[in-house]
C-alpha atoms as a PDB file:
ATOM      1  CA  MET A   1     -50.942  16.538 142.032  1.00  0.00           C
ATOM      2  CA  HIS A   2     -53.302  17.703 139.293  1.00  0.00           C
ATOM      3  CA  GLU A   3     -54.243  21.338 139.062  1.00  0.00           C
ATOM      4  CA  SER A   4     -57.844  22.447 138.707  1.00  0.00           C
ATOM      5  CA  ALA A   5     -59.104  23.868 135.423  1.00  0.00           C
ATOM      6  CA  ASP A   6     -59.041  27.379 136.920  1.00  0.00           C
ATOM      7  CA  GLU A   7     -55.483  26.928 138.208  1.00  0.00           C
ATOM      8  CA  HIS A   8     -54.368  25.592 134.836  1.00  0.00           C
ATOM      9  CA  LYS A   9     -56.026  28.469 133.001  1.00  0.00           C
ATOM     10  CA  SER A  10     -54.459  31.052 135.326  1.00  0.00           C
ATOM     11  CA  SER A  11     -51.024  29.500 134.771  1.00  0.00           C
ATOM     12  CA  ASN A  12     -51.453  30.257 131.066  1.00  0.00           C
ATOM     13  CA  LYS A  13     -51.334  34.021 131.661  1.00  0.00           C
ATOM     14  CA  PRO A  14     -48.439  35.716 129.842  1.00  0.00           C
ATOM     15  CA  THR A  15     -46.646  36.771 133.014  1.00  0.00           C
ATOM     16  CA  SER A  16     -46.705  33.403 134.780  1.00  0.00           C
ATOM     17  CA  GLY A  17     -44.373  30.457 134.403  1.00  0.00           C
ATOM     18  CA  PRO A  18     -40.952  30.199 132.842  1.00  0.00           C
ATOM     19  CA  VAL A  19     -39.863  32.481 130.028  1.00  0.00           C
ATOM     20  CA  ILE A  20     -40.762  31.136 126.597  1.00  0.00           C
ATOM     21  CA  CYS A  21     -38.272  31.632 123.770  1.00  0.00           C
ATOM     22  CA  LEU A  22     -39.549  31.827 120.214  1.00  0.00           C
ATOM     23  CA  ALA A  23     -37.854  31.443 116.845  1.00  0.00           C
ATOM     24  CA  VAL A  24     -39.462  33.173 113.857  1.00  0.00           C
ATOM     25  CA  LEU A  25     -38.860  32.296 110.220  1.00  0.00           C
ATOM     26  CA  THR A  26     -40.274  34.413 107.404  1.00  0.00           C
ATOM     27  CA  VAL A  27     -40.429  32.594 104.077  1.00  0.00           C
ATOM     28  CA  SER A  28     -40.477  34.948 101.113  1.00  0.00           C
ATOM     29  CA  ASP A  29     -38.731  35.518  97.813  1.00  0.00           C
ATOM     30  CA  THR A  30     -39.191  39.288  98.120  1.00  0.00           C
ATOM     31  CA  ARG A  31     -39.176  40.423 101.756  1.00  0.00           C
ATOM     32  CA  THR A  32     -36.229  41.701 103.734  1.00  0.00           C
ATOM     33  CA  LYS A  33     -36.037  42.322 107.483  1.00  0.00           C
ATOM     34  CA  GLU A  34     -36.912  45.941 106.724  1.00  0.00           C
ATOM     35  CA  THR A  35     -40.059  45.037 104.737  1.00  0.00           C
ATOM     36  CA  ASP A  36     -41.141  41.963 106.712  1.00  0.00           C
ATOM     37  CA  LYS A  37     -44.288  43.214 108.443  1.00  0.00           C
ATOM     38  CA  SER A  38     -45.552  39.724 109.352  1.00  0.00           C
ATOM     39  CA  GLY A  39     -42.362  38.512 111.018  1.00  0.00           C
ATOM     40  CA  ARG A  40     -42.091  41.759 112.951  1.00  0.00           C
ATOM     41  CA  ARG A  41     -45.755  41.477 113.982  1.00  0.00           C
ATOM     42  CA  ILE A  42     -45.155  37.998 115.417  1.00  0.00           C
ATOM     43  CA  LEU A  43     -42.190  39.322 117.397  1.00  0.00           C
ATOM     44  CA  GLU A  44     -44.171  42.359 118.583  1.00  0.00           C
ATOM     45  CA  LEU A  45     -47.151  40.311 119.795  1.00  0.00           C
ATOM     46  CA  ALA A  46     -44.907  37.716 121.410  1.00  0.00           C
ATOM     47  CA  GLY A  47     -42.937  40.427 123.193  1.00  0.00           C
ATOM     48  CA  LYS A  48     -46.112  42.008 124.575  1.00  0.00           C
ATOM     49  CA  ALA A  49     -47.019  38.555 125.956  1.00  0.00           C
ATOM     50  CA  GLY A  50     -43.664  38.194 127.699  1.00  0.00           C
ATOM     51  CA  ILE A  51     -42.228  35.777 125.137  1.00  0.00           C
ATOM     52  CA  GLU A  52     -38.626  36.359 124.135  1.00  0.00           C
ATOM     53  CA  ALA A  53     -37.253  36.222 120.599  1.00  0.00           C
ATOM     54  CA  ALA A  54     -34.493  33.618 120.435  1.00  0.00           C
ATOM     55  CA  GLU A  55     -34.039  33.712 116.648  1.00  0.00           C
ATOM     56  CA  TYR A  56     -35.434  35.630 113.693  1.00  0.00           C
ATOM     57  CA  THR A  57     -34.464  35.039 110.088  1.00  0.00           C
ATOM     58  CA  LEU A  58     -35.764  35.082 106.541  1.00  0.00           C
ATOM     59  CA  CYS A  59     -35.275  32.632 103.709  1.00  0.00           C
ATOM     60  CA  THR A  60     -36.587  32.170 100.205  1.00  0.00           C
ATOM     61  CA  ASP A  61     -39.323  29.734  99.225  1.00  0.00           C
ATOM     62  CA  ASP A  62     -36.863  26.848  99.099  1.00  0.00           C
ATOM     63  CA  ALA A  63     -37.951  23.619 100.807  1.00  0.00           C
ATOM     64  CA  GLU A  64     -34.419  22.496 101.670  1.00  0.00           C
ATOM     65  CA  ALA A  65     -33.519  25.852 103.238  1.00  0.00           C
ATOM     66  CA  ILE A  66     -36.758  26.004 105.227  1.00  0.00           C
ATOM     67  CA  HIS A  67     -36.348  22.416 106.443  1.00  0.00           C
ATOM     68  CA  SER A  68     -32.719  23.040 107.405  1.00  0.00           C
ATOM     69  CA  ILE A  69     -33.483  26.160 109.448  1.00  0.00           C
ATOM     70  CA  ILE A  70     -36.356  24.536 111.345  1.00  0.00           C
ATOM     71  CA  ALA A  71     -34.360  21.333 111.917  1.00  0.00           C
ATOM     72  CA  GLY A  72     -31.471  23.382 113.311  1.00  0.00           C
ATOM     73  CA  TRP A  73     -33.766  25.259 115.664  1.00  0.00           C
ATOM     74  CA  LEU A  74     -35.247  21.978 116.902  1.00  0.00           C
ATOM     75  CA  LEU A  75     -31.776  21.042 118.131  1.00  0.00           C
ATOM     76  CA  LYS A  76     -31.272  24.293 120.077  1.00  0.00           C
ATOM     77  CA  PRO A  77     -32.158  23.971 123.769  1.00  0.00           C
ATOM     78  CA  GLY A  78     -32.938  27.710 124.097  1.00  0.00           C
ATOM     79  CA  ILE A  79     -35.901  27.570 121.712  1.00  0.00           C
ATOM     80  CA  ASP A  80     -39.347  26.503 122.944  1.00  0.00           C
ATOM     81  CA  ALA A  81     -41.482  27.239 119.896  1.00  0.00           C
ATOM     82  CA  ILE A  82     -41.062  28.014 116.210  1.00  0.00           C
ATOM     83  CA  VAL A  83     -43.376  30.165 114.112  1.00  0.00           C
ATOM     84  CA  THR A  84     -43.035  30.394 110.355  1.00  0.00           C
ATOM     85  CA  THR A  85     -44.865  32.896 108.193  1.00  0.00           C
ATOM     86  CA  GLY A  86     -45.294  32.611 104.440  1.00  0.00           C
ATOM     87  CA  GLY A  87     -45.350  29.845 101.871  1.00  0.00           C
ATOM     88  CA  THR A  88     -48.557  28.137 103.015  1.00  0.00           C
ATOM     89  CA  GLY A  89     -50.755  28.776  99.993  1.00  0.00           C
ATOM     90  CA  ILE A  90     -51.344  26.534  97.001  1.00  0.00           C
ATOM     91  CA  ALA A  91     -49.007  28.197  94.510  1.00  0.00           C
ATOM     92  CA  GLN A  92     -46.123  26.140  93.188  1.00  0.00           C
ATOM     93  CA  ARG A  93     -43.566  28.152  95.223  1.00  0.00           C
ATOM     94  CA  ASP A  94     -45.528  27.615  98.490  1.00  0.00           C
ATOM     95  CA  VAL A  95     -43.493  24.818 100.106  1.00  0.00           C
ATOM     96  CA  THR A  96     -43.259  25.747 103.783  1.00  0.00           C
ATOM     97  CA  LEU A  97     -45.667  23.054 104.925  1.00  0.00           C
ATOM     98  CA  GLU A  98     -43.918  20.410 102.826  1.00  0.00           C
ATOM     99  CA  ALA A  99     -40.607  21.444 104.409  1.00  0.00           C
ATOM    100  CA  ALA A 100     -41.909  21.567 108.001  1.00  0.00           C
ATOM    101  CA  ARG A 101     -44.352  18.645 108.163  1.00  0.00           C
ATOM    102  CA  PRO A 102     -41.712  15.872 107.900  1.00  0.00           C
ATOM    103  CA  LEU A 103     -40.177  17.288 111.097  1.00  0.00           C
ATOM    104  CA  PHE A 104     -43.436  16.952 113.064  1.00  0.00           C
ATOM    105  CA  GLU A 105     -43.497  14.113 115.563  1.00  0.00           C
ATOM    106  CA  LYS A 106     -47.171  14.896 116.132  1.00  0.00           C
ATOM    107  CA  GLU A 107     -49.475  17.164 114.170  1.00  0.00           C
ATOM    108  CA  ILE A 108     -51.897  19.443 116.010  1.00  0.00           C
ATOM    109  CA  ASP A 109     -54.795  19.060 113.582  1.00  0.00           C
ATOM    110  CA  GLY A 110     -57.109  21.372 115.512  1.00  0.00           C
ATOM    111  CA  PHE A 111     -54.806  24.335 114.940  1.00  0.00           C
ATOM    112  CA  GLY A 112     -55.296  24.445 111.173  1.00  0.00           C
ATOM    113  CA  GLU A 113     -58.989  23.667 111.485  1.00  0.00           C
ATOM    114  CA  LEU A 114     -59.534  26.463 114.006  1.00  0.00           C
ATOM    115  CA  PHE A 115     -57.372  28.923 112.082  1.00  0.00           C
ATOM    116  CA  ARG A 116     -59.373  28.353 108.894  1.00  0.00           C
ATOM    117  CA  TYR A 117     -62.650  28.659 110.797  1.00  0.00           C
ATOM    118  CA  LEU A 118     -61.611  31.931 112.435  1.00  0.00           C
ATOM    119  CA  SER A 119     -60.290  33.254 109.111  1.00  0.00           C
ATOM    120  CA  PHE A 120     -63.572  32.401 107.433  1.00  0.00           C
ATOM    121  CA  ALA A 121     -65.701  33.906 110.208  1.00  0.00           C
ATOM    122  CA  GLU A 122     -63.691  37.054 110.890  1.00  0.00           C
ATOM    123  CA  ASP A 123     -61.652  37.920 107.909  1.00  0.00           C
ATOM    124  CA  ILE A 124     -61.490  36.357 104.485  1.00  0.00           C
ATOM    125  CA  GLY A 125     -64.610  34.274 103.920  1.00  0.00           C
ATOM    126  CA  THR A 126     -64.415  31.228 101.679  1.00  0.00           C
ATOM    127  CA  LYS A 127     -60.833  32.036 100.635  1.00  0.00           C
ATOM    128  CA  ALA A 128     -59.927  30.408 103.975  1.00  0.00           C
ATOM    129  CA  VAL A 129     -60.044  27.009 102.256  1.00  0.00           C
ATOM    130  CA  LEU A 130     -56.815  27.943 100.463  1.00  0.00           C
ATOM    131  CA  SER A 131     -54.877  28.278 103.717  1.00  0.00           C
ATOM    132  CA  ARG A 132     -52.648  25.393 104.676  1.00  0.00           C
ATOM    133  CA  ALA A 133     -51.788  26.773 108.121  1.00  0.00           C
ATOM    134  CA  ALA A 134     -50.699  23.932 110.378  1.00  0.00           C
ATOM    135  CA  ALA A 135     -49.012  23.123 113.661  1.00  0.00           C
ATOM    136  CA  GLY A 136     -47.121  20.247 115.115  1.00  0.00           C
ATOM    137  CA  THR A 137     -44.649  19.244 117.765  1.00  0.00           C
ATOM    138  CA  ALA A 138     -41.110  17.914 117.668  1.00  0.00           C
ATOM    139  CA  ARG A 139     -38.391  17.517 120.289  1.00  0.00           C
ATOM    140  CA  GLU A 140     -40.651  19.038 122.979  1.00  0.00           C
ATOM    141  CA  LYS A 141     -41.150  22.184 120.894  1.00  0.00           C
ATOM    142  CA  ALA A 142     -44.249  23.597 119.207  1.00  0.00           C
ATOM    143  CA  ILE A 143     -44.092  24.496 115.513  1.00  0.00           C
ATOM    144  CA  PHE A 144     -46.653  26.810 113.922  1.00  0.00           C
ATOM    145  CA  VAL A 145     -46.788  27.247 110.132  1.00  0.00           C
ATOM    146  CA  LEU A 146     -48.692  30.432 109.268  1.00  0.00           C
ATOM    147  CA  PRO A 147     -49.631  32.314 106.106  1.00  0.00           C
ATOM    148  CA  GLY A 148     -47.597  35.368 105.180  1.00  0.00           C
ATOM    149  CA  SER A 149     -50.147  38.125 105.652  1.00  0.00           C
ATOM    150  CA  THR A 150     -49.988  40.404 108.660  1.00  0.00           C
ATOM    151  CA  GLY A 151     -53.688  39.829 109.278  1.00  0.00           C
ATOM    152  CA  ALA A 152     -53.199  36.068 109.334  1.00  0.00           C
ATOM    153  CA  VAL A 153     -50.320  36.147 111.807  1.00  0.00           C
ATOM    154  CA  THR A 154     -52.184  38.621 114.027  1.00  0.00           C
ATOM    155  CA  LEU A 155     -55.218  36.347 114.060  1.00  0.00           C
ATOM    156  CA  ALA A 156     -53.186  33.205 114.764  1.00  0.00           C
ATOM    157  CA  MET A 157     -51.080  34.800 117.478  1.00  0.00           C
ATOM    158  CA  ASN A 158     -53.912  36.599 119.296  1.00  0.00           C
ATOM    159  CA  ARG A 159     -56.646  33.999 119.022  1.00  0.00           C
ATOM    160  CA  ILE A 160     -54.763  30.671 119.158  1.00  0.00           C
ATOM    161  CA  ILE A 161     -51.011  30.693 119.807  1.00  0.00           C
ATOM    162  CA  LEU A 162     -50.658  33.186 122.650  1.00  0.00           C
ATOM    163  CA  PRO A 163     -53.690  31.923 124.595  1.00  0.00           C
ATOM    164  CA  GLU A 164     -52.462  28.302 124.357  1.00  0.00           C
ATOM    165  CA  ILE A 165     -48.657  28.355 124.115  1.00  0.00           C
ATOM    166  CA  ARG A 166     -47.998  27.785 127.818  1.00  0.00           C
ATOM    167  CA  HIS A 167     -50.476  24.920 127.917  1.00  0.00           C
ATOM    168  CA  ILE A 168     -48.977  23.345 124.792  1.00  0.00           C
ATOM    169  CA  LEU A 169     -45.445  23.582 126.177  1.00  0.00           C
ATOM    170  CA  HIS A 170     -46.594  22.256 129.550  1.00  0.00           C
ATOM    171  CA  GLU A 171     -48.094  19.206 127.839  1.00  0.00           C
ATOM    172  CA  LEU A 172     -44.910  18.655 125.847  1.00  0.00           C
ATOM    173  CA  THR A 173     -42.638  18.787 128.894  1.00  0.00           C
ATOM    174  CA  LYS A 174     -44.720  17.577 131.858  1.00  0.00           C
ATOM    175  CA  HIS A 175     -43.075  14.138 131.749  1.00  0.00           C
ATOM    176  CA  ARG A 176     -39.706  15.555 132.813  1.00  0.00           C
END
């Protein structure tokens, strides 16, 4: 039985449906858990939306370390989605996307496009072209690769991820 558009939209409310568990990875050569405002902001916004934190860690801008952490989380059954913050710019040390993208089974192209559009319109103007924010799916999990600024993660969480996470996860698991 297919649900109507209104039923589907109402099922995307933060308090409905099964609990979602999120893993958060902050990529930075300088931040610690005490100074990581962006990682904490993701956890705060997720918590307010009824999403539980399954994992939270930091690592340096090292492609192998980033890849290894995400790959490990993809194997954990208690994690539904992964959000990374940091390492998405164009500097030589920005390697988060290169580390995460090979793990994608499918890329969600619209995520990066919409994020850059919203960033341009609401926040940073033409500097938005430098953002390599992206999203994809793997092993029935959603993966979001975000810039490291607190403003960027707030924008992505409030305007894209939180409104759509239940729908994304439903689409990834509806075949079960």
